[in-house]
Amino acid sequence: MGYLANPTVRLFAGAAMISFSPVWVKLVSVSPTTSGFYRVLFGSIALAAYLLFKKQRLNLSTRAWTILIGASIFFALDLWFWHRSINYIGPGLATLLANFQVFIMMFAGIILLHQVPRLTQVIAVPLALAGLAMIVGLDWRNLPQDYRLGVIFGLLTAVVYAGYLLTLREARRDSEHPIPIREVAVVSAFSATMLGLSAMIEGHSLAIPNVQDAVWLIVYGIFSQGIGVILIASSLRQVSTTEAGLALLLQPTLSFVWDVLFFARPMTATETAGAAIALIAIYLGSRPSSKQAQGAR
């Protein structure tokens, strides 16, 4: 436990832990909506246990509660889109596309906050698109329909996840607590309710069919939505911008590695180069604020 006293170790341990998120989604046999439901259900239980252990009360304002409902809608949509993207195009590419949220955040800053983008951010956008083109190819019409859907769902994940980050930030505007565990716990609980209702409307069972799926889903919820979030959130205020940016980069990088190692994803030299270029673009796009690393999935 002594190593975890180091915020840099906590940051990278949390990012590495969360990098397995799409692996758990790919391994289970339940529907994408059902796996999302159990992520936030078990995650909310883990976060609630942490808050009880730390003797932290919610004590959120009416304004914060209202905004967190909006954040929960965004996060439920995030998991809905992302899990389908994982099933269609694999953990690596789905996670890479989801991390394009840094560009949505950049555009939101320009439009909503009238921020002037840095040159590196401006360069990052066409760089990311070039990297994506190298991975998926330029002949969009000849790609399989499921693959195209996976890419679209991955990009939609980036959009709604940026919405989640923006609303979560707004909900915490007047917070006296430096770590957003309370807010993430509330969002997890609300999102579980939304995804549970969505699964029933879609006609998907919430029953876990076997012990193996139960283990993967528990691990997914506790480590990706619980412990991983705690490790990252507790370290962000104590690390440099560079470290936070590298941690943001670590998760999609490792997710690609796991996709190749565990699911035998074929990677050509062009695709590998494209992934590297897209990852560099994500890093450049995330540079202005270390706090964006809380967007780790």
C-alpha atoms as a PDB file:
ATOM      1  CA  MET A   1       0.000   0.000   0.000  1.00  0.00           C
ATOM      2  CA  GLY A   2       3.004   2.302   0.431  1.00  0.00           C
ATOM      3  CA  TYR A   3       3.297   2.712  -3.336  1.00  0.00           C
ATOM      4  CA  LEU A   4      -0.269   4.057  -3.505  1.00  0.00           C
ATOM      5  CA  ALA A   5       0.788   7.020  -1.371  1.00  0.00           C
ATOM      6  CA  ASN A   6       2.530   8.262  -4.521  1.00  0.00           C
ATOM      7  CA  PRO A   7      -0.055  10.160  -6.641  1.00  0.00           C
ATOM      8  CA  THR A   8       1.730   9.325  -9.901  1.00  0.00           C
ATOM      9  CA  VAL A   9       1.558   5.611  -9.103  1.00  0.00           C
ATOM     10  CA  ARG A  10      -2.143   5.947  -8.254  1.00  0.00           C
ATOM     11  CA  LEU A  11      -2.803   7.821 -11.484  1.00  0.00           C
ATOM     12  CA  PHE A  12      -1.167   5.284 -13.773  1.00  0.00           C
ATOM     13  CA  ALA A  13      -2.466   2.300 -11.791  1.00  0.00           C
ATOM     14  CA  GLY A  14      -5.990   3.663 -12.161  1.00  0.00           C
ATOM     15  CA  ALA A  15      -5.544   4.263 -15.897  1.00  0.00           C
ATOM     16  CA  ALA A  16      -4.133   0.760 -16.400  1.00  0.00           C
ATOM     17  CA  MET A  17      -7.003  -0.725 -14.399  1.00  0.00           C
ATOM     18  CA  ILE A  18      -9.624   1.103 -16.453  1.00  0.00           C
ATOM     19  CA  SER A  19      -7.922   0.043 -19.700  1.00  0.00           C
ATOM     20  CA  PHE A  20      -9.397  -3.423 -19.108  1.00  0.00           C
ATOM     21  CA  SER A  21     -12.965  -2.036 -19.238  1.00  0.00           C
ATOM     22  CA  PRO A  22     -13.630  -2.964 -22.890  1.00  0.00           C
ATOM     23  CA  VAL A  23     -12.087  -6.382 -22.285  1.00  0.00           C
ATOM     24  CA  TRP A  24     -14.713  -7.212 -19.656  1.00  0.00           C
ATOM     25  CA  VAL A  25     -17.449  -5.973 -22.010  1.00  0.00           C
ATOM     26  CA  LYS A  26     -16.171  -8.211 -24.794  1.00  0.00           C
ATOM     27  CA  LEU A  27     -15.877 -11.263 -22.536  1.00  0.00           C
ATOM     28  CA  VAL A  28     -19.428 -11.331 -21.171  1.00  0.00           C
ATOM     29  CA  SER A  29     -22.358 -12.890 -23.014  1.00  0.00           C
ATOM     30  CA  VAL A  30     -25.018 -10.443 -21.795  1.00  0.00           C
ATOM     31  CA  SER A  31     -26.330  -7.587 -23.936  1.00  0.00           C
ATOM     32  CA  PRO A  32     -24.353  -4.319 -24.166  1.00  0.00           C
ATOM     33  CA  THR A  33     -27.028  -2.491 -22.169  1.00  0.00           C
ATOM     34  CA  THR A  34     -27.036  -5.157 -19.460  1.00  0.00           C
ATOM     35  CA  SER A  35     -23.248  -5.054 -19.057  1.00  0.00           C
ATOM     36  CA  GLY A  36     -23.463  -1.265 -18.775  1.00  0.00           C
ATOM     37  CA  PHE A  37     -26.128  -1.636 -16.095  1.00  0.00           C
ATOM     38  CA  TYR A  38     -23.941  -3.912 -13.998  1.00  0.00           C
ATOM     39  CA  ARG A  39     -20.872  -1.700 -14.417  1.00  0.00           C
ATOM     40  CA  VAL A  40     -22.608   1.249 -12.806  1.00  0.00           C
ATOM     41  CA  LEU A  41     -24.596  -0.873 -10.345  1.00  0.00           C
ATOM     42  CA  PHE A  42     -21.555  -2.604  -8.863  1.00  0.00           C
ATOM     43  CA  GLY A  43     -19.520   0.574  -9.278  1.00  0.00           C
ATOM     44  CA  SER A  44     -22.035   2.636  -7.314  1.00  0.00           C
ATOM     45  CA  ILE A  45     -21.946   0.058  -4.519  1.00  0.00           C
ATOM     46  CA  ALA A  46     -18.128   0.219  -4.419  1.00  0.00           C
ATOM     47  CA  LEU A  47     -18.147   4.028  -4.392  1.00  0.00           C
ATOM     48  CA  ALA A  48     -20.836   4.126  -1.705  1.00  0.00           C
ATOM     49  CA  ALA A  49     -18.722   1.789   0.430  1.00  0.00           C
ATOM     50  CA  TYR A  50     -15.752   4.137  -0.031  1.00  0.00           C
ATOM     51  CA  LEU A  51     -17.819   7.154   1.020  1.00  0.00           C
ATOM     52  CA  LEU A  52     -19.089   5.311   4.088  1.00  0.00           C
ATOM     53  CA  PHE A  53     -15.548   4.279   5.001  1.00  0.00           C
ATOM     54  CA  LYS A  54     -14.389   7.891   4.640  1.00  0.00           C
ATOM     55  CA  LYS A  55     -17.510   9.075   6.515  1.00  0.00           C
ATOM     56  CA  GLN A  56     -18.372  11.465   3.707  1.00  0.00           C
ATOM     57  CA  ARG A  57     -21.956  12.607   3.323  1.00  0.00           C
ATOM     58  CA  LEU A  58     -23.488  13.619   0.033  1.00  0.00           C
ATOM     59  CA  ASN A  59     -24.648  17.096   1.153  1.00  0.00           C
ATOM     60  CA  LEU A  60     -25.256  18.169  -2.435  1.00  0.00           C
ATOM     61  CA  SER A  61     -27.232  21.282  -3.317  1.00  0.00           C
ATOM     62  CA  THR A  62     -30.512  21.111  -5.226  1.00  0.00           C
ATOM     63  CA  ARG A  63     -28.697  22.656  -8.173  1.00  0.00           C
ATOM     64  CA  ALA A  64     -26.009  19.947  -8.076  1.00  0.00           C
ATOM     65  CA  TRP A  65     -28.608  17.155  -7.876  1.00  0.00           C
ATOM     66  CA  THR A  66     -30.423  18.570 -10.907  1.00  0.00           C
ATOM     67  CA  ILE A  67     -27.248  18.840 -12.978  1.00  0.00           C
ATOM     68  CA  LEU A  68     -26.152  15.346 -11.935  1.00  0.00           C
ATOM     69  CA  ILE A  69     -29.363  13.944 -13.398  1.00  0.00           C
ATOM     70  CA  GLY A  70     -28.271  15.440 -16.716  1.00  0.00           C
ATOM     71  CA  ALA A  71     -24.769  14.025 -16.231  1.00  0.00           C
ATOM     72  CA  SER A  72     -26.312  10.609 -15.576  1.00  0.00           C
ATOM     73  CA  ILE A  73     -28.230  10.732 -18.851  1.00  0.00           C
ATOM     74  CA  PHE A  74     -25.010  11.514 -20.707  1.00  0.00           C
ATOM     75  CA  PHE A  75     -23.116   8.722 -18.929  1.00  0.00           C
ATOM     76  CA  ALA A  76     -25.856   6.152 -19.536  1.00  0.00           C
ATOM     77  CA  LEU A  77     -25.803   7.078 -23.232  1.00  0.00           C
ATOM     78  CA  ASP A  78     -22.011   6.863 -23.167  1.00  0.00           C
ATOM     79  CA  LEU A  79     -22.082   3.261 -21.997  1.00  0.00           C
ATOM     80  CA  TRP A  80     -24.959   2.416 -24.358  1.00  0.00           C
ATOM     81  CA  PHE A  81     -23.003   3.618 -27.404  1.00  0.00           C
ATOM     82  CA  TRP A  82     -19.562   2.473 -26.272  1.00  0.00           C
ATOM     83  CA  HIS A  83     -20.522  -1.109 -25.427  1.00  0.00           C
ATOM     84  CA  ARG A  84     -22.091  -1.547 -28.859  1.00  0.00           C
ATOM     85  CA  SER A  85     -19.027  -0.048 -30.492  1.00  0.00           C
ATOM     86  CA  ILE A  86     -16.838  -2.541 -28.609  1.00  0.00           C
ATOM     87  CA  ASN A  87     -18.916  -5.453 -29.889  1.00  0.00           C
ATOM     88  CA  TYR A  88     -18.780  -4.204 -33.489  1.00  0.00           C
ATOM     89  CA  ILE A  89     -15.171  -3.020 -33.900  1.00  0.00           C
ATOM     90  CA  GLY A  90     -13.327  -4.368 -30.863  1.00  0.00           C
ATOM     91  CA  PRO A  91     -12.036  -2.914 -27.587  1.00  0.00           C
ATOM     92  CA  GLY A  92      -9.050  -1.082 -29.068  1.00  0.00           C
ATOM     93  CA  LEU A  93     -10.643   1.035 -31.777  1.00  0.00           C
ATOM     94  CA  ALA A  94     -13.834   1.623 -29.772  1.00  0.00           C
ATOM     95  CA  THR A  95     -11.811   3.022 -26.872  1.00  0.00           C
ATOM     96  CA  LEU A  96      -9.615   5.086 -29.167  1.00  0.00           C
ATOM     97  CA  LEU A  97     -12.691   6.706 -30.731  1.00  0.00           C
ATOM     98  CA  ALA A  98     -14.244   7.319 -27.318  1.00  0.00           C
ATOM     99  CA  ASN A  99     -11.148   9.285 -26.342  1.00  0.00           C
ATOM    100  CA  PHE A 100     -11.815  11.693 -29.182  1.00  0.00           C
ATOM    101  CA  GLN A 101     -13.856  13.389 -26.454  1.00  0.00           C
ATOM    102  CA  VAL A 102     -10.835  15.658 -25.959  1.00  0.00           C
ATOM    103  CA  PHE A 103     -11.658  17.328 -29.275  1.00  0.00           C
ATOM    104  CA  ILE A 104     -15.332  17.737 -28.363  1.00  0.00           C
ATOM    105  CA  MET A 105     -14.181  19.318 -25.106  1.00  0.00           C
ATOM    106  CA  MET A 106     -11.912  21.626 -27.077  1.00  0.00           C
ATOM    107  CA  PHE A 107     -14.743  22.748 -29.371  1.00  0.00           C
ATOM    108  CA  ALA A 108     -17.032  23.205 -26.358  1.00  0.00           C
ATOM    109  CA  GLY A 109     -14.395  25.433 -24.782  1.00  0.00           C
ATOM    110  CA  ILE A 110     -14.180  27.519 -27.946  1.00  0.00           C
ATOM    111  CA  ILE A 111     -17.956  27.851 -28.386  1.00  0.00           C
ATOM    112  CA  LEU A 112     -19.198  28.021 -24.789  1.00  0.00           C
ATOM    113  CA  LEU A 113     -16.265  29.584 -22.960  1.00  0.00           C
ATOM    114  CA  HIS A 114     -14.725  31.552 -25.852  1.00  0.00           C
ATOM    115  CA  GLN A 115     -11.363  29.924 -25.229  1.00  0.00           C
ATOM    116  CA  VAL A 116      -8.641  30.366 -27.818  1.00  0.00           C
ATOM    117  CA  PRO A 117      -7.210  26.959 -28.794  1.00  0.00           C
ATOM    118  CA  ARG A 118      -3.488  26.383 -28.739  1.00  0.00           C
ATOM    119  CA  LEU A 119      -1.641  25.634 -31.940  1.00  0.00           C
ATOM    120  CA  THR A 120      -1.062  22.044 -30.794  1.00  0.00           C
ATOM    121  CA  GLN A 121      -4.823  21.601 -30.370  1.00  0.00           C
ATOM    122  CA  VAL A 122      -5.520  22.931 -33.849  1.00  0.00           C
ATOM    123  CA  ILE A 123      -2.926  20.557 -35.299  1.00  0.00           C
ATOM    124  CA  ALA A 124      -4.325  17.638 -33.284  1.00  0.00           C
ATOM    125  CA  VAL A 125      -7.725  17.617 -35.016  1.00  0.00           C
ATOM    126  CA  PRO A 126      -6.600  16.864 -38.611  1.00  0.00           C
ATOM    127  CA  LEU A 127      -3.924  14.581 -37.173  1.00  0.00           C
ATOM    128  CA  ALA A 128      -6.594  12.523 -35.396  1.00  0.00           C
ATOM    129  CA  LEU A 129      -8.722  12.328 -38.535  1.00  0.00           C
ATOM    130  CA  ALA A 130      -5.705  11.212 -40.559  1.00  0.00           C
ATOM    131  CA  GLY A 131      -4.929   8.511 -38.011  1.00  0.00           C
ATOM    132  CA  LEU A 132      -8.539   7.329 -38.043  1.00  0.00           C
ATOM    133  CA  ALA A 133      -8.538   7.187 -41.851  1.00  0.00           C
ATOM    134  CA  MET A 134      -5.408   5.024 -41.753  1.00  0.00           C
ATOM    135  CA  ILE A 135      -7.145   2.596 -39.393  1.00  0.00           C
ATOM    136  CA  VAL A 136     -10.575   2.274 -41.026  1.00  0.00           C
ATOM    137  CA  GLY A 137      -9.577   3.090 -44.610  1.00  0.00           C
ATOM    138  CA  LEU A 138     -10.957   5.661 -47.030  1.00  0.00           C
ATOM    139  CA  ASP A 139     -13.537   3.484 -48.799  1.00  0.00           C
ATOM    140  CA  TRP A 140     -16.327   3.908 -46.244  1.00  0.00           C
ATOM    141  CA  ARG A 141     -19.078   2.446 -48.433  1.00  0.00           C
ATOM    142  CA  ASN A 142     -17.309  -0.895 -48.812  1.00  0.00           C
ATOM    143  CA  LEU A 143     -16.870  -1.416 -45.079  1.00  0.00           C
ATOM    144  CA  PRO A 144     -19.226  -3.957 -43.429  1.00  0.00           C
ATOM    145  CA  GLN A 145     -22.369  -2.380 -41.986  1.00  0.00           C
ATOM    146  CA  ASP A 146     -21.562  -3.527 -38.438  1.00  0.00           C
ATOM    147  CA  TYR A 147     -18.090  -2.002 -38.705  1.00  0.00           C
ATOM    148  CA  ARG A 148     -19.517   1.325 -39.858  1.00  0.00           C
ATOM    149  CA  LEU A 149     -22.031   1.233 -37.012  1.00  0.00           C
ATOM    150  CA  GLY A 150     -19.191   0.551 -34.589  1.00  0.00           C
ATOM    151  CA  VAL A 151     -17.268   3.599 -35.797  1.00  0.00           C
ATOM    152  CA  ILE A 152     -20.380   5.786 -35.590  1.00  0.00           C
ATOM    153  CA  PHE A 153     -21.192   4.520 -32.099  1.00  0.00           C
ATOM    154  CA  GLY A 154     -17.584   5.146 -31.052  1.00  0.00           C
ATOM    155  CA  LEU A 155     -17.731   8.760 -32.219  1.00  0.00           C
ATOM    156  CA  LEU A 156     -21.131   9.241 -30.549  1.00  0.00           C
ATOM    157  CA  THR A 157     -19.520   7.904 -27.379  1.00  0.00           C
ATOM    158  CA  ALA A 158     -16.986  10.720 -27.576  1.00  0.00           C
ATOM    159  CA  VAL A 159     -19.756  13.314 -27.941  1.00  0.00           C
ATOM    160  CA  VAL A 160     -21.897  12.148 -25.015  1.00  0.00           C
ATOM    161  CA  TYR A 161     -18.880  11.500 -22.791  1.00  0.00           C
ATOM    162  CA  ALA A 162     -17.782  15.088 -23.334  1.00  0.00           C
ATOM    163  CA  GLY A 163     -21.300  16.095 -22.322  1.00  0.00           C
ATOM    164  CA  TYR A 164     -20.911  14.013 -19.175  1.00  0.00           C
ATOM    165  CA  LEU A 165     -17.591  15.650 -18.290  1.00  0.00           C
ATOM    166  CA  LEU A 166     -18.968  19.150 -18.872  1.00  0.00           C
ATOM    167  CA  THR A 167     -22.075  18.590 -16.746  1.00  0.00           C
ATOM    168  CA  LEU A 168     -20.068  16.867 -14.014  1.00  0.00           C
ATOM    169  CA  ARG A 169     -17.708  19.846 -13.941  1.00  0.00           C
ATOM    170  CA  GLU A 170     -20.685  22.219 -13.694  1.00  0.00           C
ATOM    171  CA  ALA A 171     -22.215  20.182 -10.858  1.00  0.00           C
ATOM    172  CA  ARG A 172     -18.949  20.523  -8.939  1.00  0.00           C
ATOM    173  CA  ARG A 173     -18.541  24.242  -9.515  1.00  0.00           C
ATOM    174  CA  ASP A 174     -19.381  25.174  -5.913  1.00  0.00           C
ATOM    175  CA  SER A 175     -18.117  21.962  -4.308  1.00  0.00           C
ATOM    176  CA  GLU A 176     -15.752  22.184  -1.352  1.00  0.00           C
ATOM    177  CA  HIS A 177     -14.564  18.604  -1.874  1.00  0.00           C
ATOM    178  CA  PRO A 178     -11.440  18.273  -4.054  1.00  0.00           C
ATOM    179  CA  ILE A 179     -12.272  14.724  -5.180  1.00  0.00           C
ATOM    180  CA  PRO A 180     -15.494  14.086  -7.191  1.00  0.00           C
ATOM    181  CA  ILE A 181     -16.271  10.681  -5.669  1.00  0.00           C
ATOM    182  CA  ARG A 182     -19.671  11.768  -4.320  1.00  0.00           C
ATOM    183  CA  GLU A 183     -20.805  13.044  -7.692  1.00  0.00           C
ATOM    184  CA  VAL A 184     -19.561   9.971  -9.571  1.00  0.00           C
ATOM    185  CA  ALA A 185     -21.340   7.718  -7.053  1.00  0.00           C
ATOM    186  CA  VAL A 186     -24.613   9.578  -7.628  1.00  0.00           C
ATOM    187  CA  VAL A 187     -24.167   9.465 -11.407  1.00  0.00           C
ATOM    188  CA  SER A 188     -23.436   5.726 -11.212  1.00  0.00           C
ATOM    189  CA  ALA A 189     -26.620   5.040  -9.244  1.00  0.00           C
ATOM    190  CA  PHE A 190     -28.810   7.147 -11.540  1.00  0.00           C
ATOM    191  CA  SER A 191     -27.198   5.665 -14.664  1.00  0.00           C
ATOM    192  CA  ALA A 192     -27.833   2.147 -13.358  1.00  0.00           C
ATOM    193  CA  THR A 193     -31.529   2.971 -13.051  1.00  0.00           C
ATOM    194  CA  MET A 194     -31.625   4.392 -16.580  1.00  0.00           C
ATOM    195  CA  LEU A 195     -29.756   1.474 -18.150  1.00  0.00           C
ATOM    196  CA  GLY A 196     -31.874  -1.033 -16.235  1.00  0.00           C
ATOM    197  CA  LEU A 197     -35.036   0.556 -17.637  1.00  0.00           C
ATOM    198  CA  SER A 198     -33.463   0.699 -21.096  1.00  0.00           C
ATOM    199  CA  ALA A 199     -32.606  -3.010 -20.982  1.00  0.00           C
ATOM    200  CA  MET A 200     -36.183  -3.899 -20.090  1.00  0.00           C
ATOM    201  CA  ILE A 201     -37.598  -1.657 -22.846  1.00  0.00           C
ATOM    202  CA  GLU A 202     -35.214  -3.290 -25.335  1.00  0.00           C
ATOM    203  CA  GLY A 203     -36.377  -6.709 -24.178  1.00  0.00           C
ATOM    204  CA  HIS A 204     -33.008  -7.722 -22.700  1.00  0.00           C
ATOM    205  CA  SER A 205     -32.880  -9.720 -19.505  1.00  0.00           C
ATOM    206  CA  LEU A 206     -30.945  -8.401 -16.520  1.00  0.00           C
ATOM    207  CA  ALA A 207     -30.300 -11.967 -15.386  1.00  0.00           C
ATOM    208  CA  ILE A 208     -26.632 -13.004 -15.299  1.00  0.00           C
ATOM    209  CA  PRO A 209     -26.542 -16.361 -17.137  1.00  0.00           C
ATOM    210  CA  ASN A 210     -23.502 -17.987 -15.508  1.00  0.00           C
ATOM    211  CA  VAL A 211     -20.831 -17.662 -12.833  1.00  0.00           C
ATOM    212  CA  GLN A 212     -18.141 -16.598 -15.293  1.00  0.00           C
ATOM    213  CA  ASP A 213     -20.213 -13.646 -16.505  1.00  0.00           C
ATOM    214  CA  ALA A 214     -20.960 -12.731 -12.896  1.00  0.00           C
ATOM    215  CA  VAL A 215     -17.241 -12.612 -12.088  1.00  0.00           C
ATOM    216  CA  TRP A 216     -16.413 -10.452 -15.134  1.00  0.00           C
ATOM    217  CA  LEU A 217     -19.269  -8.037 -14.401  1.00  0.00           C
ATOM    218  CA  ILE A 218     -18.341  -7.684 -10.728  1.00  0.00           C
ATOM    219  CA  VAL A 219     -14.706  -7.071 -11.663  1.00  0.00           C
ATOM    220  CA  TYR A 220     -15.817  -4.590 -14.331  1.00  0.00           C
ATOM    221  CA  GLY A 221     -17.952  -2.588 -11.925  1.00  0.00           C
ATOM    222  CA  ILE A 222     -15.665  -2.612  -8.908  1.00  0.00           C
ATOM    223  CA  PHE A 223     -12.394  -1.934 -10.724  1.00  0.00           C
ATOM    224  CA  SER A 224     -13.477   0.245 -13.672  1.00  0.00           C
ATOM    225  CA  GLN A 225     -16.220   2.294 -12.021  1.00  0.00           C
ATOM    226  CA  GLY A 226     -14.992   2.012  -8.448  1.00  0.00           C
ATOM    227  CA  ILE A 227     -11.323   1.555  -7.581  1.00  0.00           C
ATOM    228  CA  GLY A 228      -9.960   2.891 -10.875  1.00  0.00           C
ATOM    229  CA  VAL A 229     -11.998   6.085 -10.553  1.00  0.00           C
ATOM    230  CA  ILE A 230     -10.904   6.562  -6.934  1.00  0.00           C
ATOM    231  CA  LEU A 231      -7.221   6.121  -7.818  1.00  0.00           C
ATOM    232  CA  ILE A 232      -7.368   8.624 -10.675  1.00  0.00           C
ATOM    233  CA  ALA A 233      -9.571  11.192  -8.938  1.00  0.00           C
ATOM    234  CA  SER A 234      -7.459  11.175  -5.781  1.00  0.00           C
ATOM    235  CA  SER A 235      -4.252  11.846  -7.723  1.00  0.00           C
ATOM    236  CA  LEU A 236      -5.174  14.485 -10.321  1.00  0.00           C
ATOM    237  CA  ARG A 237      -4.599  17.524  -8.139  1.00  0.00           C
ATOM    238  CA  GLN A 238      -1.122  16.281  -7.212  1.00  0.00           C
ATOM    239  CA  VAL A 239       0.373  15.443 -10.617  1.00  0.00           C
ATOM    240  CA  SER A 240       1.727  17.511 -13.486  1.00  0.00           C
ATOM    241  CA  THR A 241      -0.126  18.273 -16.710  1.00  0.00           C
ATOM    242  CA  THR A 242       2.285  16.021 -18.593  1.00  0.00           C
ATOM    243  CA  GLU A 243       1.667  13.082 -16.265  1.00  0.00           C
ATOM    244  CA  ALA A 244      -2.094  13.552 -16.508  1.00  0.00           C
ATOM    245  CA  GLY A 245      -1.907  13.713 -20.302  1.00  0.00           C
ATOM    246  CA  LEU A 246       0.179  10.551 -20.458  1.00  0.00           C
ATOM    247  CA  ALA A 247      -2.284   8.763 -18.179  1.00  0.00           C
ATOM    248  CA  LEU A 248      -5.112   9.779 -20.503  1.00  0.00           C
ATOM    249  CA  LEU A 249      -3.076   8.286 -23.351  1.00  0.00           C
ATOM    250  CA  LEU A 250      -2.276   5.073 -21.477  1.00  0.00           C
ATOM    251  CA  GLN A 251      -5.825   3.763 -21.360  1.00  0.00           C
ATOM    252  CA  PRO A 252      -6.621   3.613 -25.104  1.00  0.00           C
ATOM    253  CA  THR A 253      -3.069   2.430 -25.799  1.00  0.00           C
ATOM    254  CA  LEU A 254      -3.386  -0.508 -23.417  1.00  0.00           C
ATOM    255  CA  SER A 255      -6.913  -1.243 -24.647  1.00  0.00           C
ATOM    256  CA  PHE A 256      -5.446  -1.678 -28.139  1.00  0.00           C
ATOM    257  CA  VAL A 257      -2.738  -3.946 -26.713  1.00  0.00           C
ATOM    258  CA  TRP A 258      -5.337  -6.087 -24.906  1.00  0.00           C
ATOM    259  CA  ASP A 259      -7.392  -6.283 -28.114  1.00  0.00           C
ATOM    260  CA  VAL A 260      -4.389  -7.683 -29.989  1.00  0.00           C
ATOM    261  CA  LEU A 261      -3.260 -10.024 -27.195  1.00  0.00           C
ATOM    262  CA  PHE A 262      -6.604 -11.376 -25.976  1.00  0.00           C
ATOM    263  CA  PHE A 263      -8.795 -11.205 -29.082  1.00  0.00           C
ATOM    264  CA  ALA A 264      -6.173 -11.639 -31.830  1.00  0.00           C
ATOM    265  CA  ARG A 265      -7.049  -8.361 -33.533  1.00  0.00           C
ATOM    266  CA  PRO A 266      -5.113  -8.244 -36.829  1.00  0.00           C
ATOM    267  CA  MET A 267      -3.092  -5.049 -37.233  1.00  0.00           C
ATOM    268  CA  THR A 268      -1.391  -4.013 -40.459  1.00  0.00           C
ATOM    269  CA  ALA A 269       1.538  -1.608 -40.456  1.00  0.00           C
ATOM    270  CA  THR A 270      -0.754   1.146 -41.757  1.00  0.00           C
ATOM    271  CA  GLU A 271      -3.323   0.543 -39.000  1.00  0.00           C
ATOM    272  CA  THR A 272      -0.611   0.518 -36.352  1.00  0.00           C
ATOM    273  CA  ALA A 273       0.791   3.797 -37.644  1.00  0.00           C
ATOM    274  CA  GLY A 274      -2.718   5.254 -37.762  1.00  0.00           C
ATOM    275  CA  ALA A 275      -3.391   4.248 -34.168  1.00  0.00           C
ATOM    276  CA  ALA A 276      -0.096   5.817 -33.079  1.00  0.00           C
ATOM    277  CA  ILE A 277      -0.920   9.056 -34.908  1.00  0.00           C
ATOM    278  CA  ALA A 278      -4.412   9.182 -33.392  1.00  0.00           C
ATOM    279  CA  LEU A 279      -3.000   8.602 -29.902  1.00  0.00           C
ATOM    280  CA  ILE A 280      -0.482  11.414 -30.375  1.00  0.00           C
ATOM    281  CA  ALA A 281      -3.352  13.643 -31.504  1.00  0.00           C
ATOM    282  CA  ILE A 282      -5.349  12.767 -28.382  1.00  0.00           C
ATOM    283  CA  TYR A 283      -2.352  13.672 -26.242  1.00  0.00           C
ATOM    284  CA  LEU A 284      -1.894  17.002 -28.016  1.00  0.00           C
ATOM    285  CA  GLY A 285      -5.598  17.737 -27.767  1.00  0.00           C
ATOM    286  CA  SER A 286      -5.655  17.066 -24.026  1.00  0.00           C
ATOM    287  CA  ARG A 287      -2.611  19.171 -23.136  1.00  0.00           C
ATOM    288  CA  PRO A 288      -4.278  22.409 -21.930  1.00  0.00           C
ATOM    289  CA  SER A 289      -5.787  20.954 -18.778  1.00  0.00           C
ATOM    290  CA  SER A 290      -4.573  18.154 -16.561  1.00  0.00           C
ATOM    291  CA  LYS A 291      -8.098  17.830 -15.193  1.00  0.00           C
ATOM    292  CA  GLN A 292      -9.240  16.350 -18.481  1.00  0.00           C
ATOM    293  CA  ALA A 293      -7.513  13.151 -17.458  1.00  0.00           C
ATOM    294  CA  GLN A 294     -10.529  12.465 -15.275  1.00  0.00           C
ATOM    295  CA  GLY A 295     -12.083  11.478 -18.575  1.00  0.00           C
ATOM    296  CA  ALA A 296     -10.316   8.138 -18.418  1.00  0.00           C
ATOM    297  CA  ARG A 297     -12.845   5.439 -19.118  1.00  0.00           C
END
